[in-house]
């Protein structure tokens, strides 16, 4: 096993440990934690058995396993950025609604005085 493989496996174990700790503290839902565990386990398999990507790439009609990894990474990152921007927009709307409610409540209090 090459040094980079050992370092990556150690990093993946650390990432799994951190996600377990966040799940136990309630910072991650079980489904989110499970998704990360699967992600890091698959990454570990790819690091330990690099030719596994070639097999799946061939099944999908892609020439090289490295290309498959890049395509999947770009798709995943694009999806995550989209999800985050939708979540941020929702939070912005909630903050606006809350600010309006507080302003109206304060204005009503001032009128009653």
PDB file of N, CA and C in Angstrom:
ATOM      1  N   UNK A   1       0.855  -1.178   0.000  1.00  0.00           N
ATOM      2  CA  UNK A   1       0.000   0.000   0.000  1.00  0.00           C
ATOM      3  C   UNK A   1       0.898   1.237   0.000  1.00  0.00           C
ATOM      4  N   UNK A   2       0.529   2.208  -0.822  1.00  0.00           N
ATOM      5  CA  UNK A   2       1.320   3.425  -0.945  1.00  0.00           C
ATOM      6  C   UNK A   2       0.996   4.393   0.193  1.00  0.00           C
ATOM      7  N   UNK A   3       1.917   5.298   0.448  1.00  0.00           N
ATOM      8  CA  UNK A   3       1.760   6.261   1.537  1.00  0.00           C
ATOM      9  C   UNK A   3       0.483   7.091   1.376  1.00  0.00           C
ATOM     10  N   UNK A   4       0.191   7.537   0.143  1.00  0.00           N
ATOM     11  CA  UNK A   4      -1.006   8.359  -0.072  1.00  0.00           C
ATOM     12  C   UNK A   4      -2.273   7.573   0.266  1.00  0.00           C
ATOM     13  N   UNK A   5      -2.275   6.286  -0.021  1.00  0.00           N
ATOM     14  CA  UNK A   5      -3.441   5.459   0.310  1.00  0.00           C
ATOM     15  C   UNK A   5      -3.632   5.389   1.829  1.00  0.00           C
ATOM     16  N   UNK A   6      -2.542   5.217   2.546  1.00  0.00           N
ATOM     17  CA  UNK A   6      -2.619   5.148   4.008  1.00  0.00           C
ATOM     18  C   UNK A   6      -3.125   6.474   4.571  1.00  0.00           C
ATOM     19  N   UNK A   7      -2.570   7.579   4.066  1.00  0.00           N
ATOM     20  CA  UNK A   7      -3.000   8.895   4.546  1.00  0.00           C
ATOM     21  C   UNK A   7      -4.477   9.153   4.251  1.00  0.00           C
ATOM     22  N   UNK A   8      -4.919   8.785   3.060  1.00  0.00           N
ATOM     23  CA  UNK A   8      -6.322   8.993   2.713  1.00  0.00           C
ATOM     24  C   UNK A   8      -7.246   8.120   3.562  1.00  0.00           C
ATOM     25  N   UNK A   9      -6.854   6.874   3.799  1.00  0.00           N
ATOM     26  CA  UNK A   9      -7.667   5.992   4.642  1.00  0.00           C
ATOM     27  C   UNK A   9      -7.767   6.563   6.055  1.00  0.00           C
ATOM     28  N   UNK A  10      -6.652   7.069   6.577  1.00  0.00           N
ATOM     29  CA  UNK A  10      -6.686   7.701   7.901  1.00  0.00           C
ATOM     30  C   UNK A  10      -7.612   8.918   7.904  1.00  0.00           C
ATOM     31  N   UNK A  11      -7.547   9.717   6.846  1.00  0.00           N
ATOM     32  CA  UNK A  11      -8.433  10.875   6.746  1.00  0.00           C
ATOM     33  C   UNK A  11      -9.899  10.445   6.686  1.00  0.00           C
ATOM     34  N   UNK A  12     -10.196   9.410   5.901  1.00  0.00           N
ATOM     35  CA  UNK A  12     -11.579   8.931   5.786  1.00  0.00           C
ATOM     36  C   UNK A  12     -12.086   8.411   7.131  1.00  0.00           C
ATOM     37  N   UNK A  13     -11.226   7.725   7.869  1.00  0.00           N
ATOM     38  CA  UNK A  13     -11.623   7.255   9.209  1.00  0.00           C
ATOM     39  C   UNK A  13     -11.900   8.434  10.126  1.00  0.00           C
ATOM     40  N   UNK A  14     -11.057   9.460  10.043  1.00  0.00           N
ATOM     41  CA  UNK A  14     -11.270  10.675  10.831  1.00  0.00           C
ATOM     42  C   UNK A  14     -12.598  11.331  10.463  1.00  0.00           C
ATOM     43  N   UNK A  15     -12.894  11.404   9.164  1.00  0.00           N
ATOM     44  CA  UNK A  15     -14.143  12.022   8.702  1.00  0.00           C
ATOM     45  C   UNK A  15     -15.357  11.225   9.197  1.00  0.00           C
ATOM     46  N   UNK A  16     -15.265   9.909   9.166  1.00  0.00           N
ATOM     47  CA  UNK A  16     -16.361   9.073   9.676  1.00  0.00           C
ATOM     48  C   UNK A  16     -16.525   9.304  11.175  1.00  0.00           C
ATOM     49  N   UNK A  17     -15.415   9.333  11.896  1.00  0.00           N
ATOM     50  CA  UNK A  17     -15.466   9.585  13.342  1.00  0.00           C
ATOM     51  C   UNK A  17     -16.134  10.932  13.638  1.00  0.00           C
ATOM     52  N   UNK A  18     -15.743  11.989  12.899  1.00  0.00           N
ATOM     53  CA  UNK A  18     -16.325  13.310  13.118  1.00  0.00           C
ATOM     54  C   UNK A  18     -17.822  13.312  12.818  1.00  0.00           C
ATOM     55  N   UNK A  19     -18.239  12.602  11.768  1.00  0.00           N
ATOM     56  CA  UNK A  19     -19.665  12.574  11.449  1.00  0.00           C
ATOM     57  C   UNK A  19     -20.448  11.785  12.500  1.00  0.00           C
ATOM     58  N   UNK A  20     -19.837  10.750  13.065  1.00  0.00           N
ATOM     59  CA  UNK A  20     -20.489  10.013  14.160  1.00  0.00           C
ATOM     60  C   UNK A  20     -20.658  10.927  15.363  1.00  0.00           C
ATOM     61  N   UNK A  21     -19.623  11.691  15.686  1.00  0.00           N
ATOM     62  CA  UNK A  21     -19.701  12.592  16.832  1.00  0.00           C
ATOM     63  C   UNK A  21     -20.760  13.679  16.607  1.00  0.00           C
ATOM     64  N   UNK A  22     -20.821  14.216  15.402  1.00  0.00           N
ATOM     65  CA  UNK A  22     -21.840  15.237  15.112  1.00  0.00           C
ATOM     66  C   UNK A  22     -23.246  14.649  15.182  1.00  0.00           C
ATOM     67  N   UNK A  23     -23.398  13.412  14.749  1.00  0.00           N
ATOM     68  CA  UNK A  23     -24.696  12.746  14.837  1.00  0.00           C
ATOM     69  C   UNK A  23     -25.089  12.540  16.303  1.00  0.00           C
ATOM     70  N   UNK A  24     -24.132  12.096  17.124  1.00  0.00           N
ATOM     71  CA  UNK A  24     -24.418  11.880  18.546  1.00  0.00           C
ATOM     72  C   UNK A  24     -24.787  13.181  19.253  1.00  0.00           C
ATOM     73  N   UNK A  25     -24.177  14.304  18.841  1.00  0.00           N
ATOM     74  CA  UNK A  25     -24.501  15.599  19.445  1.00  0.00           C
ATOM     75  C   UNK A  25     -25.785  16.194  18.871  1.00  0.00           C
ATOM     76  N   UNK A  26     -26.358  15.535  17.892  1.00  0.00           N
ATOM     77  CA  UNK A  26     -27.598  16.025  17.302  1.00  0.00           C
ATOM     78  C   UNK A  26     -27.391  17.071  16.224  1.00  0.00           C
ATOM     79  N   UNK A  27     -26.173  17.247  15.767  1.00  0.00           N
ATOM     80  CA  UNK A  27     -25.884  18.228  14.730  1.00  0.00           C
ATOM     81  C   UNK A  27     -26.191  17.691  13.333  1.00  0.00           C
ATOM     82  N   UNK A  28     -26.266  16.378  13.209  1.00  0.00           N
ATOM     83  CA  UNK A  28     -26.608  15.725  11.944  1.00  0.00           C
ATOM     84  C   UNK A  28     -27.779  14.787  12.174  1.00  0.00           C
ATOM     85  N   UNK A  29     -28.689  14.747  11.212  1.00  0.00           N
ATOM     86  CA  UNK A  29     -29.753  13.750  11.255  1.00  0.00           C
ATOM     87  C   UNK A  29     -29.136  12.400  10.912  1.00  0.00           C
ATOM     88  N   UNK A  30     -29.809  11.324  11.303  1.00  0.00           N
ATOM     89  CA  UNK A  30     -29.294   9.984  11.020  1.00  0.00           C
ATOM     90  C   UNK A  30     -29.134   9.779   9.517  1.00  0.00           C
ATOM     91  N   UNK A  31     -30.101  10.263   8.728  1.00  0.00           N
ATOM     92  CA  UNK A  31     -30.002  10.076   7.278  1.00  0.00           C
ATOM     93  C   UNK A  31     -28.802  10.817   6.695  1.00  0.00           C
ATOM     94  N   UNK A  32     -28.535  12.022   7.206  1.00  0.00           N
ATOM     95  CA  UNK A  32     -27.369  12.774   6.744  1.00  0.00           C
ATOM     96  C   UNK A  32     -26.079  12.054   7.136  1.00  0.00           C
ATOM     97  N   UNK A  33     -26.012  11.632   8.387  1.00  0.00           N
ATOM     98  CA  UNK A  33     -24.815  10.929   8.864  1.00  0.00           C
ATOM     99  C   UNK A  33     -24.599   9.653   8.062  1.00  0.00           C
ATOM    100  N   UNK A  34     -25.667   8.925   7.832  1.00  0.00           N
ATOM    101  CA  UNK A  34     -25.561   7.679   7.066  1.00  0.00           C
ATOM    102  C   UNK A  34     -25.049   7.956   5.652  1.00  0.00           C
ATOM    103  N   UNK A  35     -25.553   9.026   5.039  1.00  0.00           N
ATOM    104  CA  UNK A  35     -25.083   9.398   3.701  1.00  0.00           C
ATOM    105  C   UNK A  35     -23.592   9.693   3.682  1.00  0.00           C
ATOM    106  N   UNK A  36     -23.111  10.402   4.701  1.00  0.00           N
ATOM    107  CA  UNK A  36     -21.668  10.687   4.781  1.00  0.00           C
ATOM    108  C   UNK A  36     -20.864   9.423   5.038  1.00  0.00           C
ATOM    109  N   UNK A  37     -21.390   8.535   5.888  1.00  0.00           N
ATOM    110  CA  UNK A  37     -20.665   7.287   6.151  1.00  0.00           C
ATOM    111  C   UNK A  37     -20.511   6.486   4.869  1.00  0.00           C
ATOM    112  N   UNK A  38     -21.584   6.394   4.098  1.00  0.00           N
ATOM    113  CA  UNK A  38     -21.524   5.668   2.822  1.00  0.00           C
ATOM    114  C   UNK A  38     -20.527   6.339   1.878  1.00  0.00           C
ATOM    115  N   UNK A  39     -20.581   7.666   1.808  1.00  0.00           N
ATOM    116  CA  UNK A  39     -19.663   8.407   0.943  1.00  0.00           C
ATOM    117  C   UNK A  39     -18.209   8.103   1.298  1.00  0.00           C
ATOM    118  N   UNK A  40     -17.866   8.192   2.593  1.00  0.00           N
ATOM    119  CA  UNK A  40     -16.481   7.975   3.001  1.00  0.00           C
ATOM    120  C   UNK A  40     -16.067   6.521   2.829  1.00  0.00           C
ATOM    121  N   UNK A  41     -16.982   5.586   3.027  1.00  0.00           N
ATOM    122  CA  UNK A  41     -16.664   4.171   2.801  1.00  0.00           C
ATOM    123  C   UNK A  41     -16.397   3.901   1.324  1.00  0.00           C
ATOM    124  N   UNK A  42     -17.216   4.474   0.451  1.00  0.00           N
ATOM    125  CA  UNK A  42     -16.987   4.301  -0.986  1.00  0.00           C
ATOM    126  C   UNK A  42     -15.652   4.934  -1.382  1.00  0.00           C
ATOM    127  N   UNK A  43     -15.359   6.102  -0.840  1.00  0.00           N
ATOM    128  CA  UNK A  43     -14.071   6.747  -1.117  1.00  0.00           C
ATOM    129  C   UNK A  43     -12.926   5.848  -0.666  1.00  0.00           C
ATOM    130  N   UNK A  44     -13.093   5.194   0.486  1.00  0.00           N
ATOM    131  CA  UNK A  44     -12.068   4.269   0.971  1.00  0.00           C
ATOM    132  C   UNK A  44     -11.876   3.089   0.041  1.00  0.00           C
ATOM    133  N   UNK A  45     -12.959   2.545  -0.467  1.00  0.00           N
ATOM    134  CA  UNK A  45     -12.868   1.417  -1.410  1.00  0.00           C
ATOM    135  C   UNK A  45     -12.143   1.858  -2.678  1.00  0.00           C
ATOM    136  N   UNK A  46     -12.464   3.047  -3.161  1.00  0.00           N
ATOM    137  CA  UNK A  46     -11.819   3.553  -4.376  1.00  0.00           C
ATOM    138  C   UNK A  46     -10.321   3.744  -4.149  1.00  0.00           C
ATOM    139  N   UNK A  47      -9.937   4.181  -2.958  1.00  0.00           N
ATOM    140  CA  UNK A  47      -8.514   4.379  -2.669  1.00  0.00           C
ATOM    141  C   UNK A  47      -7.793   3.034  -2.544  1.00  0.00           C
ATOM    142  N   UNK A  48      -8.437   2.072  -1.890  1.00  0.00           N
ATOM    143  CA  UNK A  48      -7.796   0.773  -1.691  1.00  0.00           C
ATOM    144  C   UNK A  48      -7.791  -0.044  -2.986  1.00  0.00           C
ATOM    145  N   UNK A  49      -8.877   0.036  -3.761  1.00  0.00           N
ATOM    146  CA  UNK A  49      -8.999  -0.722  -5.015  1.00  0.00           C
ATOM    147  C   UNK A  49      -9.231   0.278  -6.155  1.00  0.00           C
ATOM    148  N   UNK A  50      -8.179   0.948  -6.618  1.00  0.00           N
ATOM    149  CA  UNK A  50      -8.342   1.998  -7.623  1.00  0.00           C
ATOM    150  C   UNK A  50      -8.973   1.519  -8.931  1.00  0.00           C
ATOM    151  N   UNK A  51      -8.769   0.273  -9.298  1.00  0.00           N
ATOM    152  CA  UNK A  51      -9.328  -0.234 -10.553  1.00  0.00           C
ATOM    153  C   UNK A  51     -10.844  -0.410 -10.500  1.00  0.00           C
ATOM    154  N   UNK A  52     -11.429  -0.295  -9.326  1.00  0.00           N
ATOM    155  CA  UNK A  52     -12.882  -0.433  -9.214  1.00  0.00           C
ATOM    156  C   UNK A  52     -13.589   0.665 -10.005  1.00  0.00           C
ATOM    157  N   UNK A  53     -12.983   1.840 -10.087  1.00  0.00           N
ATOM    158  CA  UNK A  53     -13.603   2.922 -10.849  1.00  0.00           C
ATOM    159  C   UNK A  53     -13.603   2.608 -12.342  1.00  0.00           C
ATOM    160  N   UNK A  54     -12.587   1.909 -12.804  1.00  0.00           N
ATOM    161  CA  UNK A  54     -12.505   1.539 -14.218  1.00  0.00           C
ATOM    162  C   UNK A  54     -13.666   0.625 -14.592  1.00  0.00           C
ATOM    163  N   UNK A  55     -13.983  -0.327 -13.720  1.00  0.00           N
ATOM    164  CA  UNK A  55     -15.078  -1.263 -13.975  1.00  0.00           C
ATOM    165  C   UNK A  55     -16.401  -0.512 -14.112  1.00  0.00           C
ATOM    166  N   UNK A  56     -16.687   0.371 -13.173  1.00  0.00           N
ATOM    167  CA  UNK A  56     -17.945   1.110 -13.215  1.00  0.00           C
ATOM    168  C   UNK A  56     -17.973   2.119 -14.369  1.00  0.00           C
ATOM    169  N   UNK A  57     -16.816   2.694 -14.684  1.00  0.00           N
ATOM    170  CA  UNK A  57     -16.746   3.616 -15.815  1.00  0.00           C
ATOM    171  C   UNK A  57     -17.096   2.885 -17.111  1.00  0.00           C
ATOM    172  N   UNK A  58     -16.567   1.694 -17.283  1.00  0.00           N
ATOM    173  CA  UNK A  58     -16.869   0.902 -18.477  1.00  0.00           C
ATOM    174  C   UNK A  58     -18.358   0.572 -18.566  1.00  0.00           C
ATOM    175  N   UNK A  59     -18.968   0.255 -17.424  1.00  0.00           N
ATOM    176  CA  UNK A  59     -20.404  -0.030 -17.414  1.00  0.00           C
ATOM    177  C   UNK A  59     -21.219   1.164 -17.899  1.00  0.00           C
ATOM    178  N   UNK A  60     -20.737   2.365 -17.604  1.00  0.00           N
ATOM    179  CA  UNK A  60     -21.452   3.587 -17.967  1.00  0.00           C
ATOM    180  C   UNK A  60     -20.993   4.174 -19.297  1.00  0.00           C
ATOM    181  N   UNK A  61     -20.054   3.504 -19.951  1.00  0.00           N
ATOM    182  CA  UNK A  61     -19.593   3.972 -21.249  1.00  0.00           C
ATOM    183  C   UNK A  61     -18.560   5.076 -21.182  1.00  0.00           C
ATOM    184  N   UNK A  62     -17.875   5.181 -20.051  1.00  0.00           N
ATOM    185  CA  UNK A  62     -16.829   6.196 -19.872  1.00  0.00           C
ATOM    186  C   UNK A  62     -15.483   5.502 -19.997  1.00  0.00           C
ATOM    187  N   UNK A  63     -14.546   6.164 -20.647  1.00  0.00           N
ATOM    188  CA  UNK A  63     -13.264   5.541 -20.951  1.00  0.00           C
ATOM    189  C   UNK A  63     -12.381   5.224 -19.752  1.00  0.00           C
ATOM    190  N   UNK A  64     -12.264   6.167 -18.823  1.00  0.00           N
ATOM    191  CA  UNK A  64     -11.354   5.964 -17.698  1.00  0.00           C
ATOM    192  C   UNK A  64     -12.093   6.114 -16.374  1.00  0.00           C
ATOM    193  N   UNK A  65     -11.601   5.397 -15.380  1.00  0.00           N
ATOM    194  CA  UNK A  65     -12.185   5.476 -14.048  1.00  0.00           C
ATOM    195  C   UNK A  65     -12.019   6.850 -13.428  1.00  0.00           C
ATOM    196  N   UNK A  66     -10.889   7.492 -13.705  1.00  0.00           N
ATOM    197  CA  UNK A  66     -10.648   8.837 -13.167  1.00  0.00           C
ATOM    198  C   UNK A  66     -11.672   9.822 -13.724  1.00  0.00           C
ATOM    199  N   UNK A  67     -12.049   9.649 -14.986  1.00  0.00           N
ATOM    200  CA  UNK A  67     -13.074  10.523 -15.568  1.00  0.00           C
ATOM    201  C   UNK A  67     -14.403  10.334 -14.851  1.00  0.00           C
ATOM    202  N   UNK A  68     -14.740   9.108 -14.532  1.00  0.00           N
ATOM    203  CA  UNK A  68     -15.982   8.828 -13.805  1.00  0.00           C
ATOM    204  C   UNK A  68     -15.981   9.543 -12.458  1.00  0.00           C
ATOM    205  N   UNK A  69     -14.866   9.472 -11.754  1.00  0.00           N
ATOM    206  CA  UNK A  69     -14.767  10.127 -10.442  1.00  0.00           C
ATOM    207  C   UNK A  69     -14.943  11.638 -10.588  1.00  0.00           C
ATOM    208  N   UNK A  70     -14.330  12.222 -11.598  1.00  0.00           N
ATOM    209  CA  UNK A  70     -14.452  13.669 -11.818  1.00  0.00           C
ATOM    210  C   UNK A  70     -15.895  14.025 -12.145  1.00  0.00           C
ATOM    211  N   UNK A  71     -16.549  13.270 -13.028  1.00  0.00           N
ATOM    212  CA  UNK A  71     -17.945  13.550 -13.394  1.00  0.00           C
ATOM    213  C   UNK A  71     -18.858  13.452 -12.169  1.00  0.00           C
ATOM    214  N   UNK A  72     -18.668  12.405 -11.392  1.00  0.00           N
ATOM    215  CA  UNK A  72     -19.503  12.239 -10.199  1.00  0.00           C
ATOM    216  C   UNK A  72     -19.251  13.344  -9.183  1.00  0.00           C
ATOM    217  N   UNK A  73     -17.994  13.735  -9.018  1.00  0.00           N
ATOM    218  CA  UNK A  73     -17.663  14.800  -8.071  1.00  0.00           C
ATOM    219  C   UNK A  73     -18.286  16.121  -8.510  1.00  0.00           C
ATOM    220  N   UNK A  74     -18.210  16.430  -9.803  1.00  0.00           N
ATOM    221  CA  UNK A  74     -18.816  17.666 -10.302  1.00  0.00           C
ATOM    222  C   UNK A  74     -20.334  17.646 -10.121  1.00  0.00           C
ATOM    223  N   UNK A  75     -20.949  16.525 -10.405  1.00  0.00           N
ATOM    224  CA  UNK A  75     -22.396  16.418 -10.240  1.00  0.00           C
ATOM    225  C   UNK A  75     -22.780  16.585  -8.770  1.00  0.00           C
ATOM    226  N   UNK A  76     -22.063  15.909  -7.885  1.00  0.00           N
ATOM    227  CA  UNK A  76     -22.353  15.994  -6.459  1.00  0.00           C
ATOM    228  C   UNK A  76     -22.146  17.417  -5.934  1.00  0.00           C
ATOM    229  N   UNK A  77     -21.048  18.032  -6.297  1.00  0.00           N
ATOM    230  CA  UNK A  77     -20.775  19.396  -5.836  1.00  0.00           C
ATOM    231  C   UNK A  77     -21.814  20.383  -6.376  1.00  0.00           C
ATOM    232  N   UNK A  78     -22.200  20.226  -7.621  1.00  0.00           N
ATOM    233  CA  UNK A  78     -23.231  21.102  -8.192  1.00  0.00           C
ATOM    234  C   UNK A  78     -24.541  20.943  -7.439  1.00  0.00           C
ATOM    235  N   UNK A  79     -24.915  19.720  -7.146  1.00  0.00           N
ATOM    236  CA  UNK A  79     -26.146  19.474  -6.411  1.00  0.00           C
ATOM    237  C   UNK A  79     -26.080  20.083  -5.013  1.00  0.00           C
ATOM    238  N   UNK A  80     -24.947  19.899  -4.328  1.00  0.00           N
ATOM    239  CA  UNK A  80     -24.809  20.439  -2.977  1.00  0.00           C
ATOM    240  C   UNK A  80     -24.847  21.968  -2.969  1.00  0.00           C
ATOM    241  N   UNK A  81     -24.233  22.609  -3.953  1.00  0.00           N
ATOM    242  CA  UNK A  81     -24.285  24.070  -4.045  1.00  0.00           C
ATOM    243  C   UNK A  81     -25.720  24.520  -4.299  1.00  0.00           C
ATOM    244  N   UNK A  82     -26.423  23.826  -5.176  1.00  0.00           N
ATOM    245  CA  UNK A  82     -27.830  24.147  -5.437  1.00  0.00           C
ATOM    246  C   UNK A  82     -28.654  24.030  -4.164  1.00  0.00           C
ATOM    247  N   UNK A  83     -28.474  22.924  -3.445  1.00  0.00           N
ATOM    248  CA  UNK A  83     -29.222  22.715  -2.200  1.00  0.00           C
ATOM    249  C   UNK A  83     -28.938  23.799  -1.179  1.00  0.00           C
ATOM    250  N   UNK A  84     -27.672  24.181  -1.064  1.00  0.00           N
ATOM    251  CA  UNK A  84     -27.301  25.225  -0.110  1.00  0.00           C
ATOM    252  C   UNK A  84     -27.911  26.565  -0.500  1.00  0.00           C
ATOM    253  N   UNK A  85     -27.921  26.891  -1.783  1.00  0.00           N
ATOM    254  CA  UNK A  85     -28.492  28.175  -2.194  1.00  0.00           C
ATOM    255  C   UNK A  85     -30.003  28.189  -1.978  1.00  0.00           C
ATOM    256  N   UNK A  86     -30.685  27.072  -2.193  1.00  0.00           N
ATOM    257  CA  UNK A  86     -32.116  26.993  -1.910  1.00  0.00           C
ATOM    258  C   UNK A  86     -32.355  27.159  -0.413  1.00  0.00           C
ATOM    259  N   UNK A  87     -31.542  26.504   0.392  1.00  0.00           N
ATOM    260  CA  UNK A  87     -31.672  26.611   1.847  1.00  0.00           C
ATOM    261  C   UNK A  87     -31.420  28.051   2.317  1.00  0.00           C
ATOM    262  N   UNK A  88     -30.410  28.701   1.744  1.00  0.00           N
ATOM    263  CA  UNK A  88     -30.115  30.096   2.128  1.00  0.00           C
ATOM    264  C   UNK A  88     -31.264  31.019   1.736  1.00  0.00           C
ATOM    265  N   UNK A  89     -31.853  30.803   0.580  1.00  0.00           N
ATOM    266  CA  UNK A  89     -32.986  31.625   0.152  1.00  0.00           C
ATOM    267  C   UNK A  89     -34.167  31.439   1.099  1.00  0.00           C
ATOM    268  N   UNK A  90     -34.403  30.218   1.527  1.00  0.00           N
ATOM    269  CA  UNK A  90     -35.488  29.946   2.478  1.00  0.00           C
ATOM    270  C   UNK A  90     -35.226  30.659   3.808  1.00  0.00           C
ATOM    271  N   UNK A  91     -33.997  30.605   4.283  1.00  0.00           N
ATOM    272  CA  UNK A  91     -33.633  31.273   5.537  1.00  0.00           C
ATOM    273  C   UNK A  91     -33.803  32.787   5.385  1.00  0.00           C
ATOM    274  N   UNK A  92     -33.394  33.337   4.243  1.00  0.00           N
ATOM    275  CA  UNK A  92     -33.565  34.778   4.007  1.00  0.00           C
ATOM    276  C   UNK A  92     -35.037  35.167   4.064  1.00  0.00           C
ATOM    277  N   UNK A  93     -35.902  34.369   3.454  1.00  0.00           N
ATOM    278  CA  UNK A  93     -37.337  34.658   3.494  1.00  0.00           C
ATOM    279  C   UNK A  93     -37.862  34.600   4.923  1.00  0.00           C
ATOM    280  N   UNK A  94     -37.420  33.609   5.693  1.00  0.00           N
ATOM    281  CA  UNK A  94     -37.864  33.488   7.082  1.00  0.00           C
ATOM    282  C   UNK A  94     -37.400  34.676   7.922  1.00  0.00           C
ATOM    283  N   UNK A  95     -36.181  35.123   7.710  1.00  0.00           N
ATOM    284  CA  UNK A  95     -35.664  36.284   8.439  1.00  0.00           C
ATOM    285  C   UNK A  95     -36.471  37.524   8.083  1.00  0.00           C
ATOM    286  N   UNK A  96     -36.777  37.691   6.805  1.00  0.00           N
ATOM    287  CA  UNK A  96     -37.580  38.840   6.376  1.00  0.00           C
ATOM    288  C   UNK A  96     -38.955  38.816   7.030  1.00  0.00           C
ATOM    289  N   UNK A  97     -39.595  37.650   7.040  1.00  0.00           N
ATOM    290  CA  UNK A  97     -40.909  37.528   7.672  1.00  0.00           C
ATOM    291  C   UNK A  97     -40.837  37.835   9.165  1.00  0.00           C
ATOM    292  N   UNK A  98     -39.812  37.324   9.806  1.00  0.00           N
ATOM    293  CA  UNK A  98     -39.645  37.566  11.239  1.00  0.00           C
ATOM    294  C   UNK A  98     -39.399  39.053  11.526  1.00  0.00           C
ATOM    295  N   UNK A  99     -38.563  39.697  10.717  1.00  0.00           N
ATOM    296  CA  UNK A  99     -38.278  41.118  10.901  1.00  0.00           C
ATOM    297  C   UNK A  99     -39.551  41.945  10.706  1.00  0.00           C
ATOM    298  N   UNK A 100     -40.354  41.581   9.720  1.00  0.00           N
ATOM    299  CA  UNK A 100     -41.618  42.295   9.502  1.00  0.00           C
ATOM    300  C   UNK A 100     -42.549  42.135  10.701  1.00  0.00           C
ATOM    301  N   UNK A 101     -42.626  40.907  11.205  1.00  0.00           N
ATOM    302  CA  UNK A 101     -43.505  40.644  12.353  1.00  0.00           C
ATOM    303  C   UNK A 101     -43.053  41.437  13.575  1.00  0.00           C
ATOM    304  N   UNK A 102     -41.765  41.444  13.841  1.00  0.00           N
ATOM    305  CA  UNK A 102     -41.238  42.191  14.989  1.00  0.00           C
ATOM    306  C   UNK A 102     -41.514  43.688  14.807  1.00  0.00           C
ATOM    307  N   UNK A 103     -41.305  44.205  13.597  1.00  0.00           N
ATOM    308  CA  UNK A 103     -41.547  45.629  13.343  1.00  0.00           C
ATOM    309  C   UNK A 103     -43.020  45.977  13.543  1.00  0.00           C
ATOM    310  N   UNK A 104     -43.904  45.123  13.053  1.00  0.00           N
ATOM    311  CA  UNK A 104     -45.341  45.370  13.228  1.00  0.00           C
ATOM    312  C   UNK A 104     -45.743  45.286  14.701  1.00  0.00           C
ATOM    313  N   UNK A 105     -45.197  44.311  15.411  1.00  0.00           N
ATOM    314  CA  UNK A 105     -45.493  44.177  16.843  1.00  0.00           C
ATOM    315  C   UNK A 105     -45.022  45.417  17.613  1.00  0.00           C
ATOM    316  N   UNK A 106     -43.836  45.910  17.295  1.00  0.00           N
ATOM    317  CA  UNK A 106     -43.311  47.106  17.961  1.00  0.00           C
ATOM    318  C   UNK A 106     -44.142  48.334  17.617  1.00  0.00           C
ATOM    319  N   UNK A 107     -44.564  48.433  16.372  1.00  0.00           N
ATOM    320  CA  UNK A 107     -45.385  49.570  15.965  1.00  0.00           C
ATOM    321  C   UNK A 107     -46.738  49.528  16.682  1.00  0.00           C
ATOM    322  N   UNK A 108     -47.291  48.346  16.850  1.00  0.00           N
ATOM    323  CA  UNK A 108     -48.560  48.204  17.568  1.00  0.00           C
ATOM    324  C   UNK A 108     -48.416  48.582  19.022  1.00  0.00           C
ATOM    325  N   UNK A 109     -47.308  48.211  19.637  1.00  0.00           N
ATOM    326  CA  UNK A 109     -47.043  48.566  21.028  1.00  0.00           C
ATOM    327  C   UNK A 109     -46.925  50.076  21.190  1.00  0.00           C
ATOM    328  N   UNK A 110     -46.250  50.734  20.236  1.00  0.00           N
ATOM    329  CA  UNK A 110     -46.078  52.188  20.275  1.00  0.00           C
ATOM    330  C   UNK A 110     -47.421  52.907  20.142  1.00  0.00           C
ATOM    331  N   UNK A 111     -48.302  52.385  19.301  1.00  0.00           N
ATOM    332  CA  UNK A 111     -49.608  53.009  19.109  1.00  0.00           C
ATOM    333  C   UNK A 111     -50.460  52.903  20.355  1.00  0.00           C
ATOM    334  N   UNK A 112     -50.322  51.797  21.090  1.00  0.00           N
ATOM    335  CA  UNK A 112     -51.118  51.594  22.305  1.00  0.00           C
ATOM    336  C   UNK A 112     -50.673  52.489  23.454  1.00  0.00           C
ATOM    337  N   UNK A 113     -49.449  52.962  23.408  1.00  0.00           N
ATOM    338  CA  UNK A 113     -48.925  53.820  24.489  1.00  0.00           C
ATOM    339  C   UNK A 113     -49.503  55.157  24.402  1.00  0.00           C
TER     340      UNK A 113
END
